[in-house]
């Protein structure tokens, strides 16, 4: 856990040097309060590798995980910044020309065919021309949260869009 300085968490004291709404919206209600909870840890160490039940950090510490949320740089190709592999299919290769389907293809911009339990934010076709990015992100995360609640409450182990649903969305 982070060191506390005068009751404040030292790992959260790195405040951006630009005003709110200058580059991004201010955090939503209760966001900053959530970061200060005892069961929350801000980690700024690079990931060395993913394992089945934990991640190894570059400092060689292993951290048990329930979920992974990755923030990556913007890349309009929509190719994943690291390999995502399921059943010997690598999403990076599948979405490249010559792969199958040969271009980025999703359901609602948040889920990829043949990749169960993978949820994207602002994936291919995930943000419409008439919507703001923040509105798209909010809707996608809300939808994903609803799916995850259903998965948990109904004991579903794996979920992925069907070919038909993906085709319908694309059409």
C-alpha atoms as a PDB file:
ATOM      1  CA  UNK A   1       0.000   0.000   0.000  1.00  0.00           C
ATOM      2  CA  UNK A   2       1.173   3.515  -0.686  1.00  0.00           C
ATOM      3  CA  UNK A   3       2.839   5.631   1.929  1.00  0.00           C
ATOM      4  CA  UNK A   4       0.563   8.183   3.553  1.00  0.00           C
ATOM      5  CA  UNK A   5       1.709  11.768   4.018  1.00  0.00           C
ATOM      6  CA  UNK A   6      -0.455  13.810   6.348  1.00  0.00           C
ATOM      7  CA  UNK A   7      -3.385  11.461   5.727  1.00  0.00           C
ATOM      8  CA  UNK A   8      -2.946  11.668   1.948  1.00  0.00           C
ATOM      9  CA  UNK A   9      -1.729   8.919  -0.329  1.00  0.00           C
ATOM     10  CA  UNK A  10       1.674   9.853  -1.724  1.00  0.00           C
ATOM     11  CA  UNK A  11       1.117   7.842  -4.923  1.00  0.00           C
ATOM     12  CA  UNK A  12      -1.863  10.035  -5.815  1.00  0.00           C
ATOM     13  CA  UNK A  13      -0.108  13.375  -5.377  1.00  0.00           C
ATOM     14  CA  UNK A  14       1.175  13.516  -8.958  1.00  0.00           C
ATOM     15  CA  UNK A  15      -1.417  15.998 -10.226  1.00  0.00           C
ATOM     16  CA  UNK A  16      -1.491  17.008 -13.911  1.00  0.00           C
ATOM     17  CA  UNK A  17      -0.156  20.489 -14.638  1.00  0.00           C
ATOM     18  CA  UNK A  18      -3.113  21.433 -16.848  1.00  0.00           C
ATOM     19  CA  UNK A  19      -6.523  22.689 -15.793  1.00  0.00           C
ATOM     20  CA  UNK A  20      -9.596  20.428 -15.671  1.00  0.00           C
ATOM     21  CA  UNK A  21     -11.320  19.953 -19.049  1.00  0.00           C
ATOM     22  CA  UNK A  22      -8.218  21.230 -20.828  1.00  0.00           C
ATOM     23  CA  UNK A  23      -7.259  17.786 -22.166  1.00  0.00           C
ATOM     24  CA  UNK A  24      -9.891  15.544 -20.673  1.00  0.00           C
ATOM     25  CA  UNK A  25     -13.042  15.733 -18.607  1.00  0.00           C
ATOM     26  CA  UNK A  26     -12.707  15.842 -14.854  1.00  0.00           C
ATOM     27  CA  UNK A  27     -13.219  12.484 -13.146  1.00  0.00           C
ATOM     28  CA  UNK A  28     -16.783  11.422 -12.571  1.00  0.00           C
ATOM     29  CA  UNK A  29     -18.547  11.407  -9.205  1.00  0.00           C
ATOM     30  CA  UNK A  30     -16.780   9.315  -6.535  1.00  0.00           C
ATOM     31  CA  UNK A  31     -13.819   8.520  -8.848  1.00  0.00           C
ATOM     32  CA  UNK A  32     -11.163  10.231  -6.723  1.00  0.00           C
ATOM     33  CA  UNK A  33     -12.752   8.927  -3.528  1.00  0.00           C
ATOM     34  CA  UNK A  34     -12.572   5.384  -4.938  1.00  0.00           C
ATOM     35  CA  UNK A  35      -8.834   5.782  -5.567  1.00  0.00           C
ATOM     36  CA  UNK A  36      -8.239   6.560  -1.910  1.00  0.00           C
ATOM     37  CA  UNK A  37      -9.902   3.418  -0.561  1.00  0.00           C
ATOM     38  CA  UNK A  38      -7.756   0.977   1.430  1.00  0.00           C
ATOM     39  CA  UNK A  39      -8.360  -1.821  -1.086  1.00  0.00           C
ATOM     40  CA  UNK A  40      -7.183   0.240  -4.090  1.00  0.00           C
ATOM     41  CA  UNK A  41      -3.582   0.440  -5.184  1.00  0.00           C
ATOM     42  CA  UNK A  42      -2.245   2.763  -7.857  1.00  0.00           C
ATOM     43  CA  UNK A  43       0.461   0.888  -9.743  1.00  0.00           C
ATOM     44  CA  UNK A  44       2.757   2.679 -12.146  1.00  0.00           C
ATOM     45  CA  UNK A  45       5.143  -0.209 -12.838  1.00  0.00           C
ATOM     46  CA  UNK A  46       5.338  -1.747 -16.294  1.00  0.00           C
ATOM     47  CA  UNK A  47       4.009  -5.267 -16.819  1.00  0.00           C
ATOM     48  CA  UNK A  48       6.585  -7.911 -17.723  1.00  0.00           C
ATOM     49  CA  UNK A  49       4.140 -10.725 -18.525  1.00  0.00           C
ATOM     50  CA  UNK A  50       0.660 -12.045 -17.902  1.00  0.00           C
ATOM     51  CA  UNK A  51       0.063 -15.425 -16.271  1.00  0.00           C
ATOM     52  CA  UNK A  52      -3.187 -17.284 -15.698  1.00  0.00           C
ATOM     53  CA  UNK A  53      -3.950 -15.861 -12.245  1.00  0.00           C
ATOM     54  CA  UNK A  54      -1.444 -13.041 -11.830  1.00  0.00           C
ATOM     55  CA  UNK A  55       0.788 -10.578 -13.608  1.00  0.00           C
ATOM     56  CA  UNK A  56       4.515 -10.224 -13.186  1.00  0.00           C
ATOM     57  CA  UNK A  57       5.705  -6.648 -13.005  1.00  0.00           C
ATOM     58  CA  UNK A  58       9.045  -5.370 -14.304  1.00  0.00           C
ATOM     59  CA  UNK A  59      10.157  -5.145 -10.662  1.00  0.00           C
ATOM     60  CA  UNK A  60       9.583  -8.965 -10.498  1.00  0.00           C
ATOM     61  CA  UNK A  61       6.636  -8.665  -8.099  1.00  0.00           C
ATOM     62  CA  UNK A  62       3.678 -10.926  -8.880  1.00  0.00           C
ATOM     63  CA  UNK A  63       0.201  -9.489  -8.351  1.00  0.00           C
ATOM     64  CA  UNK A  64      -2.939 -11.608  -8.193  1.00  0.00           C
ATOM     65  CA  UNK A  65      -5.633 -10.262 -10.505  1.00  0.00           C
ATOM     66  CA  UNK A  66      -9.375 -10.381 -11.006  1.00  0.00           C
ATOM     67  CA  UNK A  67      -9.435  -8.087 -14.045  1.00  0.00           C
ATOM     68  CA  UNK A  68      -6.964  -6.248 -16.234  1.00  0.00           C
ATOM     69  CA  UNK A  69      -7.689  -2.781 -17.576  1.00  0.00           C
ATOM     70  CA  UNK A  70      -5.068  -1.583 -20.040  1.00  0.00           C
ATOM     71  CA  UNK A  71      -4.683   2.025 -21.100  1.00  0.00           C
ATOM     72  CA  UNK A  72      -2.731   2.201 -24.346  1.00  0.00           C
ATOM     73  CA  UNK A  73      -1.703   4.885 -26.781  1.00  0.00           C
ATOM     74  CA  UNK A  74      -4.054   5.889 -29.584  1.00  0.00           C
ATOM     75  CA  UNK A  75      -3.612   3.857 -32.743  1.00  0.00           C
ATOM     76  CA  UNK A  76      -6.144   4.289 -35.520  1.00  0.00           C
ATOM     77  CA  UNK A  77      -5.307   0.919 -37.056  1.00  0.00           C
ATOM     78  CA  UNK A  78      -7.210  -0.703 -34.170  1.00  0.00           C
ATOM     79  CA  UNK A  79      -4.609  -3.469 -34.072  1.00  0.00           C
ATOM     80  CA  UNK A  80      -3.938  -4.572 -30.521  1.00  0.00           C
ATOM     81  CA  UNK A  81      -0.665  -3.260 -29.060  1.00  0.00           C
ATOM     82  CA  UNK A  82       0.198  -6.750 -27.812  1.00  0.00           C
ATOM     83  CA  UNK A  83      -0.796 -10.249 -28.951  1.00  0.00           C
ATOM     84  CA  UNK A  84      -4.226 -11.451 -27.881  1.00  0.00           C
ATOM     85  CA  UNK A  85      -4.472 -15.146 -28.705  1.00  0.00           C
ATOM     86  CA  UNK A  86      -7.351 -17.608 -28.418  1.00  0.00           C
ATOM     87  CA  UNK A  87      -7.527 -21.029 -30.075  1.00  0.00           C
ATOM     88  CA  UNK A  88      -4.281 -20.262 -31.947  1.00  0.00           C
ATOM     89  CA  UNK A  89      -5.821 -17.134 -33.491  1.00  0.00           C
ATOM     90  CA  UNK A  90      -3.883 -13.913 -32.844  1.00  0.00           C
ATOM     91  CA  UNK A  91      -6.162 -10.873 -33.008  1.00  0.00           C
ATOM     92  CA  UNK A  92      -3.259  -8.746 -34.316  1.00  0.00           C
ATOM     93  CA  UNK A  93      -2.877 -11.064 -37.317  1.00  0.00           C
ATOM     94  CA  UNK A  94      -6.594 -11.693 -37.818  1.00  0.00           C
ATOM     95  CA  UNK A  95      -7.333  -7.970 -38.138  1.00  0.00           C
ATOM     96  CA  UNK A  96      -4.468  -7.275 -40.565  1.00  0.00           C
ATOM     97  CA  UNK A  97      -4.978  -7.461 -44.342  1.00  0.00           C
ATOM     98  CA  UNK A  98      -4.617 -11.105 -45.319  1.00  0.00           C
ATOM     99  CA  UNK A  99      -5.887 -12.318 -41.948  1.00  0.00           C
ATOM    100  CA  UNK A 100      -9.397 -13.571 -41.237  1.00  0.00           C
ATOM    101  CA  UNK A 101     -11.481 -11.400 -41.289  1.00  0.00           C
ATOM    102  CA  UNK A 102      -8.649  -9.176 -42.620  1.00  0.00           C
ATOM    103  CA  UNK A 103      -9.747  -5.969 -40.947  1.00  0.00           C
ATOM    104  CA  UNK A 104     -10.827  -4.889 -37.475  1.00  0.00           C
ATOM    105  CA  UNK A 105     -14.258  -6.385 -36.854  1.00  0.00           C
ATOM    106  CA  UNK A 106     -16.282  -6.160 -33.660  1.00  0.00           C
ATOM    107  CA  UNK A 107     -19.727  -6.341 -32.168  1.00  0.00           C
ATOM    108  CA  UNK A 108     -20.716  -2.863 -30.946  1.00  0.00           C
ATOM    109  CA  UNK A 109     -17.032  -1.917 -30.953  1.00  0.00           C
ATOM    110  CA  UNK A 110     -16.607  -3.758 -27.648  1.00  0.00           C
ATOM    111  CA  UNK A 111     -16.326  -7.491 -28.360  1.00  0.00           C
ATOM    112  CA  UNK A 112     -14.499  -9.516 -30.992  1.00  0.00           C
ATOM    113  CA  UNK A 113     -15.768 -12.653 -32.698  1.00  0.00           C
ATOM    114  CA  UNK A 114     -13.956 -15.805 -31.484  1.00  0.00           C
ATOM    115  CA  UNK A 115     -12.421 -14.027 -28.467  1.00  0.00           C
ATOM    116  CA  UNK A 116     -14.511 -14.904 -25.408  1.00  0.00           C
ATOM    117  CA  UNK A 117     -14.402 -12.684 -22.348  1.00  0.00           C
ATOM    118  CA  UNK A 118     -12.557  -9.927 -24.218  1.00  0.00           C
ATOM    119  CA  UNK A 119     -14.107  -6.494 -23.942  1.00  0.00           C
ATOM    120  CA  UNK A 120     -12.780  -3.415 -25.727  1.00  0.00           C
ATOM    121  CA  UNK A 121     -13.365   0.278 -25.163  1.00  0.00           C
ATOM    122  CA  UNK A 122     -13.444   2.396 -28.326  1.00  0.00           C
ATOM    123  CA  UNK A 123     -12.707  -0.628 -30.453  1.00  0.00           C
ATOM    124  CA  UNK A 124     -13.379  -0.641 -34.197  1.00  0.00           C
ATOM    125  CA  UNK A 125     -16.685   1.103 -34.972  1.00  0.00           C
ATOM    126  CA  UNK A 126     -17.100   1.801 -31.271  1.00  0.00           C
ATOM    127  CA  UNK A 127     -17.601   5.546 -31.574  1.00  0.00           C
ATOM    128  CA  UNK A 128     -20.167   7.028 -33.898  1.00  0.00           C
ATOM    129  CA  UNK A 129     -19.704  10.260 -35.795  1.00  0.00           C
ATOM    130  CA  UNK A 130     -22.539  11.953 -33.934  1.00  0.00           C
ATOM    131  CA  UNK A 131     -21.304  11.152 -30.437  1.00  0.00           C
ATOM    132  CA  UNK A 132     -18.512  12.438 -28.232  1.00  0.00           C
ATOM    133  CA  UNK A 133     -15.722  10.110 -27.207  1.00  0.00           C
ATOM    134  CA  UNK A 134     -16.633  10.425 -23.532  1.00  0.00           C
ATOM    135  CA  UNK A 135     -20.268   9.509 -24.279  1.00  0.00           C
ATOM    136  CA  UNK A 136     -19.155   6.472 -26.302  1.00  0.00           C
ATOM    137  CA  UNK A 137     -16.799   5.329 -23.544  1.00  0.00           C
ATOM    138  CA  UNK A 138     -19.498   5.738 -20.895  1.00  0.00           C
ATOM    139  CA  UNK A 139     -22.016   3.723 -22.927  1.00  0.00           C
ATOM    140  CA  UNK A 140     -19.536   0.963 -23.729  1.00  0.00           C
ATOM    141  CA  UNK A 141     -18.427   0.590 -20.124  1.00  0.00           C
ATOM    142  CA  UNK A 142     -22.041   0.637 -18.912  1.00  0.00           C
ATOM    143  CA  UNK A 143     -22.968  -2.072 -21.439  1.00  0.00           C
ATOM    144  CA  UNK A 144     -19.918  -4.152 -20.494  1.00  0.00           C
ATOM    145  CA  UNK A 145     -20.768  -3.810 -16.794  1.00  0.00           C
ATOM    146  CA  UNK A 146     -24.301  -5.055 -17.500  1.00  0.00           C
ATOM    147  CA  UNK A 147     -22.910  -8.032 -19.432  1.00  0.00           C
ATOM    148  CA  UNK A 148     -20.507  -8.833 -16.582  1.00  0.00           C
ATOM    149  CA  UNK A 149     -23.335  -8.637 -14.025  1.00  0.00           C
ATOM    150  CA  UNK A 150     -25.363 -11.083 -16.134  1.00  0.00           C
ATOM    151  CA  UNK A 151     -22.345 -13.380 -16.502  1.00  0.00           C
ATOM    152  CA  UNK A 152     -21.800 -13.404 -12.749  1.00  0.00           C
ATOM    153  CA  UNK A 153     -25.451 -13.763 -11.726  1.00  0.00           C
ATOM    154  CA  UNK A 154     -26.126 -16.596 -14.183  1.00  0.00           C
ATOM    155  CA  UNK A 155     -22.842 -18.449 -13.728  1.00  0.00           C
ATOM    156  CA  UNK A 156     -21.811 -17.954 -17.346  1.00  0.00           C
ATOM    157  CA  UNK A 157     -18.163 -18.945 -17.820  1.00  0.00           C
ATOM    158  CA  UNK A 158     -17.564 -17.583 -21.304  1.00  0.00           C
ATOM    159  CA  UNK A 159     -19.232 -15.027 -23.547  1.00  0.00           C
ATOM    160  CA  UNK A 160     -18.481 -13.851 -27.075  1.00  0.00           C
ATOM    161  CA  UNK A 161     -20.516 -12.380 -29.916  1.00  0.00           C
ATOM    162  CA  UNK A 162     -21.811 -14.700 -32.594  1.00  0.00           C
ATOM    163  CA  UNK A 163     -20.935 -14.342 -36.276  1.00  0.00           C
ATOM    164  CA  UNK A 164     -24.550 -13.388 -36.959  1.00  0.00           C
ATOM    165  CA  UNK A 165     -24.549 -10.624 -34.319  1.00  0.00           C
ATOM    166  CA  UNK A 166     -21.209  -9.300 -35.565  1.00  0.00           C
ATOM    167  CA  UNK A 167     -22.457  -9.294 -39.180  1.00  0.00           C
ATOM    168  CA  UNK A 168     -25.701  -7.567 -38.154  1.00  0.00           C
ATOM    169  CA  UNK A 169     -23.799  -4.873 -36.293  1.00  0.00           C
ATOM    170  CA  UNK A 170     -21.422  -4.290 -39.208  1.00  0.00           C
ATOM    171  CA  UNK A 171     -24.343  -4.092 -41.651  1.00  0.00           C
END
